[in-house]
């Protein structure tokens, strides 16, 4: 309560439900997800960070597992950036912001990439951004589920690095019921 960030931390604890990341789901839910995706489909390493990193490397406790999950699902790498990390992810025509590379600056500047209408939500991209490293090529919808705890809306990307293929699925312009598949080249 005495920290300058207490209101922000309280906001996160009060608004972000426990158990959003597959790594902190119940054992039964984890088992079901493993059956659904099997060993050949992404996302790979579904649950490893909790067991290996949080409990193993960090000697984390179960009582603070939710706090660790919040950092994973709301942070930029290992850092929570108040306000910036509350902007949600969405690609395609919804993506309406860009930011300066975070690793190069002591401040984050977020800019609109197009006119934003009143009441329109701001969106950043977790994988199609200038600061995302190689995520553009090998990070898609399954990895967003693993690392952030949700299945993204369309467009969705699926990458199978072992088979060297990938594709994007998006709704057809003007028809939300029909999907278009675009192969990722390279």
N, C-alpha and C. Protein backbone atom coordinates (compact mmCIF):
# COMPACT_ATOMS: atom_id res chain seq x y z
N UNK A 1 0.81 -1.21 0.00
CA UNK A 1 0.00 0.00 0.00
C UNK A 1 0.85 1.27 0.00
N UNK A 2 2.09 1.18 0.41
CA UNK A 2 2.94 2.37 0.47
C UNK A 2 3.71 2.63 -0.82
N UNK A 3 3.72 1.67 -1.72
CA UNK A 3 4.45 1.82 -2.97
C UNK A 3 3.74 2.82 -3.88
N UNK A 4 4.50 3.51 -4.70
CA UNK A 4 3.91 4.41 -5.68
C UNK A 4 3.13 3.64 -6.75
N UNK A 5 3.34 2.34 -6.83
CA UNK A 5 2.66 1.51 -7.80
C UNK A 5 1.50 0.71 -7.20
N UNK A 6 1.14 0.98 -5.96
CA UNK A 6 0.14 0.16 -5.28
C UNK A 6 -1.22 0.18 -6.00
N UNK A 7 -1.65 1.34 -6.49
CA UNK A 7 -2.94 1.41 -7.18
C UNK A 7 -2.91 0.56 -8.45
N UNK A 8 -1.79 0.60 -9.15
CA UNK A 8 -1.63 -0.18 -10.37
C UNK A 8 -1.64 -1.68 -10.06
N UNK A 9 -0.89 -2.09 -9.06
CA UNK A 9 -0.84 -3.51 -8.68
C UNK A 9 -2.21 -3.98 -8.22
N UNK A 10 -2.90 -3.17 -7.45
CA UNK A 10 -4.25 -3.52 -7.00
C UNK A 10 -5.18 -3.66 -8.20
N UNK A 11 -5.07 -2.74 -9.16
CA UNK A 11 -5.88 -2.83 -10.37
C UNK A 11 -5.65 -4.18 -11.06
N UNK A 12 -4.39 -4.57 -11.24
CA UNK A 12 -4.09 -5.85 -11.89
C UNK A 12 -4.67 -7.02 -11.11
N UNK A 13 -4.47 -7.01 -9.80
CA UNK A 13 -4.96 -8.12 -8.98
C UNK A 13 -6.49 -8.21 -9.00
N UNK A 14 -7.16 -7.06 -9.07
CA UNK A 14 -8.62 -7.04 -9.02
C UNK A 14 -9.27 -7.32 -10.38
N UNK A 15 -8.57 -7.04 -11.47
CA UNK A 15 -9.20 -7.16 -12.78
C UNK A 15 -8.73 -8.36 -13.59
N UNK A 16 -7.60 -8.92 -13.28
CA UNK A 16 -7.07 -10.05 -14.04
C UNK A 16 -7.36 -11.34 -13.27
N UNK A 17 -8.23 -12.15 -13.83
CA UNK A 17 -8.64 -13.37 -13.15
C UNK A 17 -7.49 -14.36 -13.01
N UNK A 18 -7.54 -15.13 -11.95
CA UNK A 18 -6.56 -16.20 -11.78
C UNK A 18 -6.82 -17.30 -12.79
N UNK A 19 -5.75 -17.97 -13.17
CA UNK A 19 -5.88 -19.14 -14.02
C UNK A 19 -6.06 -18.86 -15.50
N UNK A 20 -5.66 -17.69 -15.98
CA UNK A 20 -5.80 -17.40 -17.41
C UNK A 20 -4.77 -18.13 -18.26
N UNK A 21 -3.56 -18.28 -17.77
CA UNK A 21 -2.52 -18.95 -18.55
C UNK A 21 -2.64 -20.46 -18.44
N UNK A 22 -2.48 -21.19 -19.54
CA UNK A 22 -2.54 -22.64 -19.46
C UNK A 22 -1.59 -23.23 -18.42
N UNK A 23 -0.46 -22.58 -18.19
CA UNK A 23 0.52 -23.10 -17.23
C UNK A 23 0.00 -23.12 -15.80
N UNK A 24 -1.05 -22.35 -15.50
CA UNK A 24 -1.61 -22.36 -14.14
C UNK A 24 -3.02 -22.91 -14.11
N UNK A 25 -3.46 -23.55 -15.20
CA UNK A 25 -4.75 -24.22 -15.21
C UNK A 25 -4.67 -25.43 -14.29
N UNK A 26 -5.82 -25.99 -13.98
CA UNK A 26 -5.88 -27.21 -13.18
C UNK A 26 -5.19 -28.34 -13.96
N UNK A 27 -4.80 -29.36 -13.25
CA UNK A 27 -4.14 -30.50 -13.91
C UNK A 27 -5.07 -31.14 -14.94
N UNK A 28 -6.35 -31.23 -14.62
CA UNK A 28 -7.31 -31.82 -15.57
C UNK A 28 -7.40 -30.99 -16.85
N UNK A 29 -7.42 -29.67 -16.72
CA UNK A 29 -7.49 -28.79 -17.89
C UNK A 29 -6.20 -28.89 -18.71
N UNK A 30 -5.06 -28.96 -18.05
CA UNK A 30 -3.80 -29.11 -18.77
C UNK A 30 -3.75 -30.43 -19.53
N UNK A 31 -4.22 -31.49 -18.88
CA UNK A 31 -4.24 -32.80 -19.55
C UNK A 31 -5.13 -32.76 -20.79
N UNK A 32 -6.29 -32.12 -20.68
CA UNK A 32 -7.20 -32.02 -21.82
C UNK A 32 -6.56 -31.23 -22.95
N UNK A 33 -5.92 -30.11 -22.65
CA UNK A 33 -5.26 -29.33 -23.69
C UNK A 33 -4.16 -30.13 -24.37
N UNK A 34 -3.40 -30.91 -23.60
CA UNK A 34 -2.36 -31.75 -24.20
C UNK A 34 -2.96 -32.79 -25.13
N UNK A 35 -4.13 -33.33 -24.80
CA UNK A 35 -4.80 -34.29 -25.67
C UNK A 35 -5.25 -33.60 -26.95
N UNK A 36 -5.81 -32.39 -26.83
CA UNK A 36 -6.32 -31.67 -27.99
C UNK A 36 -5.20 -31.30 -28.96
N UNK A 37 -4.11 -30.72 -28.46
CA UNK A 37 -3.04 -30.28 -29.37
C UNK A 37 -2.07 -31.39 -29.70
N UNK A 38 -1.94 -32.38 -28.84
CA UNK A 38 -1.00 -33.47 -29.09
C UNK A 38 0.44 -32.98 -29.11
N UNK A 39 1.37 -33.88 -29.36
CA UNK A 39 2.79 -33.49 -29.32
C UNK A 39 3.27 -32.76 -30.57
N UNK A 40 2.52 -32.82 -31.68
CA UNK A 40 3.02 -32.25 -32.94
C UNK A 40 2.51 -30.84 -33.23
N UNK A 41 1.48 -30.41 -32.52
CA UNK A 41 0.90 -29.10 -32.80
C UNK A 41 1.39 -28.06 -31.80
N UNK A 42 1.56 -26.81 -32.26
CA UNK A 42 1.90 -25.74 -31.32
C UNK A 42 0.68 -25.40 -30.47
N UNK A 43 0.87 -24.80 -29.33
CA UNK A 43 2.13 -24.23 -28.84
C UNK A 43 2.97 -25.29 -28.14
N UNK A 44 4.25 -25.19 -28.33
CA UNK A 44 5.17 -26.11 -27.68
C UNK A 44 5.49 -25.56 -26.29
N UNK A 45 5.95 -26.42 -25.40
CA UNK A 45 6.34 -26.02 -24.04
C UNK A 45 5.21 -25.27 -23.35
N UNK A 46 4.04 -25.89 -23.32
CA UNK A 46 2.84 -25.26 -22.79
C UNK A 46 2.93 -24.83 -21.34
N UNK A 47 3.53 -25.64 -20.51
CA UNK A 47 3.44 -25.42 -19.07
C UNK A 47 4.80 -25.27 -18.40
N UNK A 48 5.86 -25.28 -19.16
CA UNK A 48 7.21 -25.37 -18.60
C UNK A 48 7.59 -24.19 -17.72
N UNK A 49 7.19 -22.97 -18.07
CA UNK A 49 7.69 -21.82 -17.31
C UNK A 49 7.28 -21.87 -15.85
N UNK A 50 6.11 -22.38 -15.56
CA UNK A 50 5.69 -22.43 -14.15
C UNK A 50 6.55 -23.41 -13.37
N UNK A 51 6.67 -24.61 -13.89
CA UNK A 51 7.43 -25.62 -13.15
C UNK A 51 8.94 -25.33 -13.19
N UNK A 52 9.47 -25.05 -14.36
CA UNK A 52 10.91 -24.86 -14.49
C UNK A 52 11.38 -23.51 -13.95
N UNK A 53 10.73 -22.45 -14.37
CA UNK A 53 11.19 -21.11 -14.01
C UNK A 53 10.66 -20.64 -12.65
N UNK A 54 9.33 -20.67 -12.48
CA UNK A 54 8.77 -20.10 -11.25
C UNK A 54 9.11 -20.96 -10.03
N UNK A 55 8.80 -22.23 -10.10
CA UNK A 55 9.08 -23.09 -8.94
C UNK A 55 10.54 -23.54 -8.89
N UNK A 56 11.14 -23.81 -10.05
CA UNK A 56 12.50 -24.30 -10.10
C UNK A 56 13.54 -23.22 -9.88
N UNK A 57 13.70 -22.33 -10.86
CA UNK A 57 14.75 -21.31 -10.79
C UNK A 57 14.49 -20.24 -9.74
N UNK A 58 13.24 -19.84 -9.60
CA UNK A 58 12.91 -18.72 -8.69
C UNK A 58 12.54 -19.17 -7.28
N UNK A 59 12.40 -20.46 -7.07
CA UNK A 59 11.92 -20.98 -5.79
C UNK A 59 10.62 -20.31 -5.39
N UNK A 60 9.75 -20.11 -6.38
CA UNK A 60 8.47 -19.45 -6.14
C UNK A 60 7.55 -20.27 -5.28
N UNK A 61 6.59 -19.59 -4.70
CA UNK A 61 5.62 -20.23 -3.82
C UNK A 61 4.26 -20.22 -4.49
N UNK A 62 3.43 -21.19 -4.13
CA UNK A 62 2.09 -21.27 -4.71
C UNK A 62 1.27 -20.02 -4.39
N UNK A 63 1.48 -19.43 -3.22
CA UNK A 63 0.71 -18.25 -2.82
C UNK A 63 0.98 -17.04 -3.72
N UNK A 64 2.10 -17.02 -4.41
CA UNK A 64 2.42 -15.88 -5.28
C UNK A 64 2.43 -16.28 -6.77
N UNK A 65 1.90 -17.45 -7.08
CA UNK A 65 1.85 -17.91 -8.47
C UNK A 65 1.02 -16.95 -9.33
N UNK A 66 -0.09 -16.43 -8.79
CA UNK A 66 -0.93 -15.50 -9.56
C UNK A 66 -0.15 -14.24 -9.91
N UNK A 67 0.63 -13.72 -8.99
CA UNK A 67 1.44 -12.53 -9.26
C UNK A 67 2.45 -12.82 -10.37
N UNK A 68 3.07 -13.99 -10.33
CA UNK A 68 4.03 -14.37 -11.39
C UNK A 68 3.31 -14.49 -12.72
N UNK A 69 2.12 -15.07 -12.73
CA UNK A 69 1.35 -15.20 -13.97
C UNK A 69 0.96 -13.83 -14.52
N UNK A 70 0.62 -12.89 -13.64
CA UNK A 70 0.29 -11.54 -14.08
C UNK A 70 1.46 -10.88 -14.80
N UNK A 71 2.66 -11.07 -14.28
CA UNK A 71 3.84 -10.49 -14.93
C UNK A 71 4.03 -11.12 -16.30
N UNK A 72 3.84 -12.42 -16.42
CA UNK A 72 3.99 -13.09 -17.71
C UNK A 72 2.94 -12.58 -18.70
N UNK A 73 1.68 -12.54 -18.30
CA UNK A 73 0.62 -12.24 -19.26
C UNK A 73 0.42 -10.76 -19.54
N UNK A 74 0.90 -9.86 -18.70
CA UNK A 74 0.67 -8.43 -18.92
C UNK A 74 1.95 -7.63 -19.17
N UNK A 75 3.08 -8.28 -19.16
CA UNK A 75 4.34 -7.51 -19.24
C UNK A 75 4.90 -7.47 -20.64
N UNK A 76 5.86 -6.58 -20.80
CA UNK A 76 6.70 -6.56 -21.99
C UNK A 76 7.99 -7.24 -21.56
N UNK A 77 8.22 -8.44 -22.03
CA UNK A 77 9.31 -9.29 -21.55
C UNK A 77 9.15 -9.49 -20.05
N UNK A 78 10.01 -8.89 -19.25
CA UNK A 78 9.94 -9.10 -17.80
C UNK A 78 9.46 -7.86 -17.06
N UNK A 79 9.03 -6.84 -17.79
CA UNK A 79 8.72 -5.56 -17.17
C UNK A 79 7.26 -5.20 -17.33
N UNK A 80 6.65 -4.81 -16.23
CA UNK A 80 5.31 -4.25 -16.29
C UNK A 80 5.47 -2.75 -16.56
N UNK A 81 4.76 -2.26 -17.53
CA UNK A 81 4.82 -0.84 -17.88
C UNK A 81 3.41 -0.29 -17.71
N UNK A 82 3.13 0.36 -16.59
CA UNK A 82 1.77 0.84 -16.33
C UNK A 82 1.20 1.62 -17.52
N UNK A 83 -0.04 1.39 -17.79
CA UNK A 83 -0.84 1.92 -18.89
C UNK A 83 -0.50 1.19 -20.19
N UNK A 84 0.76 1.16 -20.62
CA UNK A 84 1.12 0.48 -21.87
C UNK A 84 0.70 -0.99 -21.84
N UNK A 85 0.94 -1.66 -20.72
CA UNK A 85 0.62 -3.08 -20.68
C UNK A 85 -0.86 -3.36 -20.48
N UNK A 86 -1.68 -2.32 -20.44
CA UNK A 86 -3.13 -2.51 -20.40
C UNK A 86 -3.75 -2.37 -21.79
N UNK A 87 -2.93 -2.02 -22.80
CA UNK A 87 -3.42 -1.97 -24.18
C UNK A 87 -3.44 -3.40 -24.69
N UNK A 88 -4.56 -3.83 -25.19
CA UNK A 88 -4.71 -5.20 -25.62
C UNK A 88 -4.13 -5.45 -27.00
N UNK A 89 -3.97 -6.73 -27.31
CA UNK A 89 -3.39 -7.21 -28.57
C UNK A 89 -4.49 -7.42 -29.61
N UNK A 90 -4.21 -7.02 -30.82
CA UNK A 90 -5.06 -7.37 -31.96
C UNK A 90 -4.31 -7.00 -33.23
N UNK A 91 -4.26 -7.89 -34.18
CA UNK A 91 -3.61 -7.63 -35.46
C UNK A 91 -4.65 -7.30 -36.52
N UNK A 92 -4.21 -7.22 -37.75
CA UNK A 92 -5.12 -6.93 -38.85
C UNK A 92 -5.52 -5.47 -38.87
N UNK A 93 -6.70 -5.20 -39.41
CA UNK A 93 -7.14 -3.81 -39.53
C UNK A 93 -7.46 -3.16 -38.18
N UNK A 94 -7.52 -3.95 -37.12
CA UNK A 94 -7.76 -3.40 -35.78
C UNK A 94 -6.52 -2.74 -35.21
N UNK A 95 -5.34 -3.23 -35.59
CA UNK A 95 -4.09 -2.69 -35.06
C UNK A 95 -4.00 -1.21 -35.41
N UNK A 96 -3.90 -0.37 -34.39
CA UNK A 96 -3.96 1.07 -34.63
C UNK A 96 -2.89 1.88 -33.90
N UNK A 97 -1.88 1.22 -33.35
CA UNK A 97 -0.79 1.93 -32.67
C UNK A 97 0.56 1.33 -33.04
N UNK A 98 1.58 2.08 -32.74
CA UNK A 98 2.96 1.63 -32.85
C UNK A 98 3.71 2.31 -31.73
N UNK A 99 4.79 1.71 -31.28
CA UNK A 99 5.56 2.34 -30.21
C UNK A 99 7.04 2.30 -30.55
N UNK A 100 7.77 3.21 -29.93
CA UNK A 100 9.22 3.19 -30.07
C UNK A 100 9.74 1.91 -29.45
N UNK A 101 10.85 1.38 -29.95
CA UNK A 101 11.42 0.19 -29.32
C UNK A 101 11.66 0.42 -27.83
N UNK A 102 11.11 -0.46 -27.03
CA UNK A 102 11.15 -0.29 -25.58
C UNK A 102 12.55 -0.48 -25.03
N UNK A 103 13.31 -1.38 -25.58
CA UNK A 103 14.65 -1.66 -25.05
C UNK A 103 15.63 -0.50 -25.26
N UNK A 104 15.31 0.41 -26.17
CA UNK A 104 16.24 1.49 -26.49
C UNK A 104 15.96 2.78 -25.72
N UNK A 105 14.87 2.86 -25.00
CA UNK A 105 14.48 4.11 -24.37
C UNK A 105 14.13 3.92 -22.90
N UNK A 106 14.15 5.02 -22.17
CA UNK A 106 13.71 4.97 -20.79
C UNK A 106 12.24 5.38 -20.68
N UNK A 107 11.63 5.71 -21.80
CA UNK A 107 10.20 6.00 -21.83
C UNK A 107 9.59 5.33 -23.04
N UNK A 108 8.31 5.10 -22.98
CA UNK A 108 7.60 4.46 -24.07
C UNK A 108 6.68 5.49 -24.71
N UNK A 109 6.83 5.65 -26.00
CA UNK A 109 5.98 6.57 -26.75
C UNK A 109 5.12 5.73 -27.68
N UNK A 110 3.81 5.80 -27.49
CA UNK A 110 2.85 5.07 -28.31
C UNK A 110 2.18 6.08 -29.23
N UNK A 111 2.16 5.76 -30.51
CA UNK A 111 1.57 6.67 -31.50
C UNK A 111 0.47 5.95 -32.27
N UNK A 112 -0.53 6.71 -32.65
CA UNK A 112 -1.58 6.17 -33.51
C UNK A 112 -1.02 5.96 -34.91
N UNK A 113 -1.39 4.87 -35.56
CA UNK A 113 -0.95 4.61 -36.93
C UNK A 113 -2.01 4.99 -37.96
N UNK A 114 -3.16 5.37 -37.47
CA UNK A 114 -4.27 5.81 -38.32
C UNK A 114 -5.23 6.60 -37.45
N UNK A 115 -6.18 7.30 -38.05
CA UNK A 115 -7.17 8.00 -37.22
C UNK A 115 -7.95 7.00 -36.35
N UNK A 116 -8.12 7.34 -35.10
CA UNK A 116 -8.83 6.48 -34.16
C UNK A 116 -10.16 7.15 -33.81
N UNK A 117 -11.23 6.39 -33.98
CA UNK A 117 -12.57 6.91 -33.74
C UNK A 117 -12.85 7.00 -32.24
N UNK A 118 -13.77 7.88 -31.86
CA UNK A 118 -14.22 7.96 -30.47
C UNK A 118 -14.74 6.59 -30.05
N UNK A 119 -14.39 6.16 -28.86
CA UNK A 119 -14.80 4.88 -28.27
C UNK A 119 -14.09 3.67 -28.87
N UNK A 120 -13.21 3.86 -29.85
CA UNK A 120 -12.47 2.74 -30.44
C UNK A 120 -11.35 2.34 -29.49
N UNK A 121 -11.19 1.05 -29.30
CA UNK A 121 -10.14 0.55 -28.41
C UNK A 121 -8.77 0.68 -29.07
N UNK A 122 -7.75 0.97 -28.26
CA UNK A 122 -6.38 0.97 -28.75
C UNK A 122 -5.86 -0.46 -28.75
N UNK A 123 -5.10 -0.80 -29.80
CA UNK A 123 -4.52 -2.14 -29.89
C UNK A 123 -3.03 -2.04 -30.23
N UNK A 124 -2.26 -2.92 -29.60
CA UNK A 124 -0.86 -3.14 -29.96
C UNK A 124 -0.76 -4.57 -30.48
N UNK A 125 0.37 -4.92 -31.05
CA UNK A 125 0.58 -6.28 -31.52
C UNK A 125 1.64 -6.95 -30.66
N UNK A 126 1.39 -8.17 -30.27
CA UNK A 126 2.35 -8.94 -29.49
C UNK A 126 3.35 -9.67 -30.39
N UNK A 127 3.11 -9.67 -31.70
CA UNK A 127 4.04 -10.36 -32.58
C UNK A 127 4.34 -9.63 -33.89
N UNK A 128 3.58 -8.63 -34.27
CA UNK A 128 3.85 -7.88 -35.50
C UNK A 128 4.34 -6.49 -35.15
N UNK A 129 5.29 -6.39 -34.26
CA UNK A 129 5.77 -5.10 -33.79
C UNK A 129 7.27 -4.96 -34.06
N UNK A 130 7.72 -3.72 -34.08
CA UNK A 130 9.14 -3.46 -34.37
C UNK A 130 10.05 -4.02 -33.28
N UNK A 131 9.53 -4.20 -32.10
CA UNK A 131 10.33 -4.60 -30.95
C UNK A 131 10.15 -6.08 -30.57
N UNK A 132 9.61 -6.86 -31.49
CA UNK A 132 9.25 -8.25 -31.16
C UNK A 132 10.29 -9.28 -31.57
N UNK A 133 11.43 -8.86 -32.05
CA UNK A 133 12.44 -9.83 -32.46
C UNK A 133 11.92 -10.72 -33.57
N UNK A 134 12.14 -12.02 -33.46
CA UNK A 134 11.73 -12.97 -34.49
C UNK A 134 10.30 -13.43 -34.38
N UNK A 135 9.52 -12.82 -33.51
CA UNK A 135 8.15 -13.29 -33.34
C UNK A 135 7.31 -13.22 -34.60
N UNK A 136 7.61 -12.30 -35.48
CA UNK A 136 6.81 -12.14 -36.69
C UNK A 136 6.80 -13.44 -37.50
N UNK A 137 7.93 -14.15 -37.52
CA UNK A 137 8.03 -15.36 -38.33
C UNK A 137 7.51 -16.61 -37.63
N UNK A 138 7.62 -16.69 -36.31
CA UNK A 138 7.35 -17.98 -35.66
C UNK A 138 6.44 -17.92 -34.45
N UNK A 139 5.66 -16.88 -34.32
CA UNK A 139 4.82 -16.69 -33.13
C UNK A 139 3.41 -16.40 -33.59
N UNK A 140 2.47 -17.24 -33.17
CA UNK A 140 1.10 -17.06 -33.62
C UNK A 140 0.07 -17.27 -32.53
N UNK A 141 -1.12 -17.62 -32.94
CA UNK A 141 -2.25 -17.77 -32.05
C UNK A 141 -2.00 -18.79 -30.93
N UNK A 142 -1.41 -19.96 -31.21
CA UNK A 142 -1.14 -20.90 -30.10
C UNK A 142 -0.19 -20.33 -29.06
N UNK A 143 0.81 -19.58 -29.50
CA UNK A 143 1.77 -18.99 -28.55
C UNK A 143 1.13 -17.85 -27.75
N UNK A 144 0.22 -17.11 -28.38
CA UNK A 144 -0.53 -16.07 -27.65
C UNK A 144 -1.34 -16.73 -26.54
N UNK A 145 -1.99 -17.85 -26.82
CA UNK A 145 -2.72 -18.58 -25.77
C UNK A 145 -1.78 -18.99 -24.65
N UNK A 146 -0.65 -19.59 -25.00
CA UNK A 146 0.30 -20.05 -23.98
C UNK A 146 0.83 -18.91 -23.11
N UNK A 147 1.21 -17.79 -23.75
CA UNK A 147 1.92 -16.73 -23.03
C UNK A 147 1.02 -15.63 -22.46
N UNK A 148 -0.18 -15.48 -23.03
CA UNK A 148 -1.05 -14.38 -22.58
C UNK A 148 -2.41 -14.84 -22.10
N UNK A 149 -2.77 -16.10 -22.37
CA UNK A 149 -3.98 -16.66 -21.79
C UNK A 149 -5.27 -16.40 -22.54
N UNK A 150 -5.20 -16.12 -23.84
CA UNK A 150 -6.43 -15.95 -24.61
C UNK A 150 -6.21 -16.40 -26.05
N UNK A 151 -7.29 -16.75 -26.72
CA UNK A 151 -7.25 -17.05 -28.14
C UNK A 151 -7.60 -15.76 -28.86
N UNK A 152 -6.65 -15.26 -29.63
CA UNK A 152 -6.85 -13.97 -30.30
C UNK A 152 -7.95 -14.04 -31.34
N UNK A 153 -8.56 -12.88 -31.58
CA UNK A 153 -9.52 -12.78 -32.66
C UNK A 153 -8.81 -12.83 -34.00
N UNK A 154 -9.58 -12.85 -35.07
CA UNK A 154 -8.97 -12.85 -36.39
C UNK A 154 -8.33 -11.51 -36.66
N UNK A 155 -7.22 -11.49 -37.40
CA UNK A 155 -6.55 -12.61 -38.04
C UNK A 155 -5.78 -13.47 -37.02
N UNK A 156 -5.62 -14.73 -37.37
CA UNK A 156 -4.88 -15.67 -36.54
C UNK A 156 -3.74 -16.25 -37.37
N UNK A 157 -2.61 -16.47 -36.70
CA UNK A 157 -1.43 -17.01 -37.37
C UNK A 157 -1.09 -18.36 -36.75
N UNK A 158 -0.74 -19.33 -37.60
CA UNK A 158 -0.31 -20.65 -37.15
C UNK A 158 1.00 -20.98 -37.85
N UNK A 159 2.01 -21.29 -37.06
CA UNK A 159 3.35 -21.57 -37.59
C UNK A 159 3.79 -22.95 -37.10
N UNK A 160 4.30 -23.75 -38.01
CA UNK A 160 4.80 -25.09 -37.71
C UNK A 160 6.27 -25.11 -38.12
N UNK A 161 7.17 -24.67 -37.22
CA UNK A 161 8.57 -24.53 -37.62
C UNK A 161 9.24 -25.84 -38.04
N UNK A 162 8.88 -26.94 -37.42
CA UNK A 162 9.50 -28.22 -37.79
C UNK A 162 9.16 -28.61 -39.23
N UNK A 163 7.97 -28.23 -39.67
CA UNK A 163 7.55 -28.55 -41.03
C UNK A 163 7.84 -27.38 -41.99
N UNK A 164 8.34 -26.27 -41.45
CA UNK A 164 8.67 -25.08 -42.22
C UNK A 164 7.48 -24.54 -43.01
N UNK A 165 6.31 -24.53 -42.37
CA UNK A 165 5.12 -23.95 -42.99
C UNK A 165 4.40 -23.07 -41.97
N UNK A 166 3.59 -22.19 -42.48
CA UNK A 166 2.77 -21.34 -41.64
C UNK A 166 1.70 -20.68 -42.48
N UNK A 167 0.63 -20.24 -41.82
CA UNK A 167 -0.44 -19.58 -42.54
C UNK A 167 -1.19 -18.64 -41.60
N UNK A 168 -1.84 -17.67 -42.22
CA UNK A 168 -2.72 -16.75 -41.52
C UNK A 168 -4.15 -17.07 -41.91
N UNK A 169 -5.05 -16.99 -40.94
CA UNK A 169 -6.49 -17.10 -41.19
C UNK A 169 -7.12 -15.77 -40.86
N UNK A 170 -7.96 -15.27 -41.74
CA UNK A 170 -8.64 -14.00 -41.48
C UNK A 170 -10.04 -14.09 -42.07
N UNK A 171 -10.92 -13.28 -41.55
CA UNK A 171 -12.25 -13.22 -42.13
C UNK A 171 -12.16 -12.51 -43.48
N UNK A 172 -12.98 -12.94 -44.39
CA UNK A 172 -13.00 -12.34 -45.71
C UNK A 172 -13.61 -10.95 -45.61
N UNK A 173 -13.00 -10.00 -46.29
CA UNK A 173 -13.48 -8.62 -46.21
C UNK A 173 -14.96 -8.55 -46.58
N UNK A 174 -15.75 -7.99 -45.67
CA UNK A 174 -17.18 -7.86 -45.89
C UNK A 174 -17.99 -9.09 -45.52
N UNK A 175 -17.34 -10.18 -45.07
CA UNK A 175 -18.05 -11.40 -44.73
C UNK A 175 -17.37 -12.08 -43.55
N UNK A 176 -17.85 -11.81 -42.35
CA UNK A 176 -17.24 -12.36 -41.14
C UNK A 176 -17.43 -13.87 -41.00
N UNK A 177 -18.29 -14.48 -41.83
CA UNK A 177 -18.54 -15.92 -41.74
C UNK A 177 -17.62 -16.74 -42.63
N UNK A 178 -16.94 -16.09 -43.58
CA UNK A 178 -16.05 -16.81 -44.49
C UNK A 178 -14.60 -16.47 -44.17
N UNK A 179 -13.75 -17.50 -44.15
CA UNK A 179 -12.34 -17.32 -43.82
C UNK A 179 -11.46 -17.40 -45.05
N UNK A 180 -10.39 -16.62 -45.03
CA UNK A 180 -9.37 -16.68 -46.08
C UNK A 180 -8.08 -17.20 -45.46
N UNK A 181 -7.41 -18.08 -46.17
CA UNK A 181 -6.12 -18.60 -45.75
C UNK A 181 -5.02 -17.99 -46.61
N UNK A 182 -3.98 -17.48 -45.95
CA UNK A 182 -2.83 -16.93 -46.66
C UNK A 182 -1.59 -17.65 -46.16
N UNK A 183 -0.85 -18.28 -47.07
CA UNK A 183 0.37 -18.98 -46.69
C UNK A 183 1.46 -17.97 -46.36
N UNK A 184 2.24 -18.25 -45.33
CA UNK A 184 3.38 -17.40 -44.96
C UNK A 184 4.56 -17.86 -45.79
N UNK A 185 5.14 -16.96 -46.51
CA UNK A 185 6.28 -17.31 -47.35
C UNK A 185 7.58 -17.14 -46.59
N UNK A 186 8.56 -17.95 -46.90
CA UNK A 186 9.87 -17.80 -46.30
C UNK A 186 10.24 -18.91 -45.50
